[in-house]
Amino acid sequence: MTTPTLRIVAIGSARALTQAELDGLFAEIGIYVSRTPM
């Protein structure tokens, strides 16, 4: 049951999840850098 619509929805949700994970990763890096004395 792989229709083009389902495939587009799956790709879109995967990209959204990846973007959310990247945002979380950058937030963690920012917290880590701000806590680490340079």
N, C-alpha and C. Protein backbone atom coordinates (compact mmCIF):
# COMPACT_ATOMS: atom_id res chain seq x y z
N MET A 1 0.83 -1.21 0.00
CA MET A 1 0.00 0.00 0.00
C MET A 1 0.86 1.25 0.00
N THR A 2 1.83 1.32 -0.89
CA THR A 2 2.66 2.53 -0.95
C THR A 2 2.16 3.43 -2.06
N THR A 3 1.34 4.37 -1.70
CA THR A 3 0.86 5.35 -2.67
C THR A 3 1.75 6.57 -2.58
N PRO A 4 1.84 7.34 -3.66
CA PRO A 4 2.69 8.55 -3.62
C PRO A 4 2.30 9.49 -2.48
N THR A 5 1.02 9.57 -2.15
CA THR A 5 0.60 10.47 -1.07
C THR A 5 1.18 10.02 0.25
N LEU A 6 1.08 8.71 0.55
CA LEU A 6 1.64 8.21 1.80
C LEU A 6 3.15 8.41 1.82
N ARG A 7 3.78 8.23 0.69
CA ARG A 7 5.24 8.40 0.64
C ARG A 7 5.60 9.85 0.94
N ILE A 8 4.85 10.79 0.36
CA ILE A 8 5.12 12.21 0.61
C ILE A 8 4.91 12.53 2.09
N VAL A 9 3.84 12.00 2.66
CA VAL A 9 3.57 12.26 4.09
C VAL A 9 4.69 11.68 4.94
N ALA A 10 5.16 10.48 4.60
CA ALA A 10 6.22 9.85 5.38
C ALA A 10 7.51 10.66 5.29
N ILE A 11 7.84 11.12 4.09
CA ILE A 11 9.06 11.92 3.91
C ILE A 11 8.94 13.23 4.68
N GLY A 12 7.76 13.86 4.61
CA GLY A 12 7.56 15.13 5.31
C GLY A 12 7.69 14.96 6.81
N SER A 13 7.08 13.92 7.36
CA SER A 13 7.16 13.71 8.81
C SER A 13 8.58 13.35 9.22
N ALA A 14 9.29 12.60 8.39
CA ALA A 14 10.67 12.24 8.70
C ALA A 14 11.54 13.49 8.72
N ARG A 15 11.33 14.40 7.76
CA ARG A 15 12.11 15.64 7.74
C ARG A 15 11.77 16.50 8.95
N ALA A 16 10.49 16.56 9.33
CA ALA A 16 10.10 17.35 10.50
C ALA A 16 10.74 16.78 11.76
N LEU A 17 10.75 15.45 11.88
CA LEU A 17 11.36 14.81 13.05
C LEU A 17 12.85 15.09 13.07
N THR A 18 13.50 15.01 11.90
CA THR A 18 14.94 15.27 11.85
C THR A 18 15.21 16.72 12.25
N GLN A 19 14.38 17.66 11.77
CA GLN A 19 14.57 19.07 12.11
C GLN A 19 14.40 19.27 13.61
N ALA A 20 13.41 18.61 14.20
CA ALA A 20 13.19 18.73 15.64
C ALA A 20 14.38 18.16 16.40
N GLU A 21 14.92 17.04 15.94
CA GLU A 21 16.08 16.45 16.60
C GLU A 21 17.30 17.37 16.48
N LEU A 22 17.46 18.00 15.30
CA LEU A 22 18.58 18.93 15.13
C LEU A 22 18.43 20.11 16.08
N ASP A 23 17.19 20.64 16.21
CA ASP A 23 16.97 21.76 17.12
C ASP A 23 17.32 21.36 18.55
N GLY A 24 16.91 20.16 18.95
CA GLY A 24 17.23 19.69 20.30
C GLY A 24 18.74 19.51 20.48
N LEU A 25 19.40 19.01 19.44
CA LEU A 25 20.84 18.80 19.52
C LEU A 25 21.57 20.13 19.66
N PHE A 26 21.16 21.12 18.86
CA PHE A 26 21.80 22.44 18.95
C PHE A 26 21.53 23.06 20.32
N ALA A 27 20.33 22.84 20.86
CA ALA A 27 20.02 23.38 22.19
C ALA A 27 20.93 22.76 23.24
N GLU A 28 21.14 21.44 23.14
CA GLU A 28 22.02 20.77 24.09
C GLU A 28 23.46 21.26 23.94
N ILE A 29 23.90 21.46 22.69
CA ILE A 29 25.26 21.95 22.47
C ILE A 29 25.40 23.35 23.06
N GLY A 30 24.37 24.19 22.85
CA GLY A 30 24.41 25.55 23.39
C GLY A 30 24.49 25.54 24.91
N ILE A 31 23.73 24.67 25.55
CA ILE A 31 23.77 24.58 27.02
C ILE A 31 25.15 24.09 27.47
N TYR A 32 25.68 23.09 26.77
CA TYR A 32 26.98 22.55 27.14
C TYR A 32 28.07 23.60 26.99
N VAL A 33 28.02 24.36 25.89
CA VAL A 33 29.05 25.38 25.65
C VAL A 33 28.92 26.50 26.68
N SER A 34 27.69 26.87 27.02
CA SER A 34 27.50 27.97 27.97
C SER A 34 27.95 27.55 29.37
N ARG A 35 27.88 26.25 29.68
CA ARG A 35 28.30 25.77 31.00
C ARG A 35 29.81 25.54 31.07
N THR A 36 30.45 25.38 29.90
CA THR A 36 31.87 25.08 29.90
C THR A 36 32.68 26.39 29.87
N PRO A 37 33.53 26.62 30.84
CA PRO A 37 34.36 27.83 30.82
C PRO A 37 35.36 27.77 29.68
N MET A 38 35.42 28.81 28.89
CA MET A 38 36.34 28.83 27.75
C MET A 38 37.73 29.24 28.24
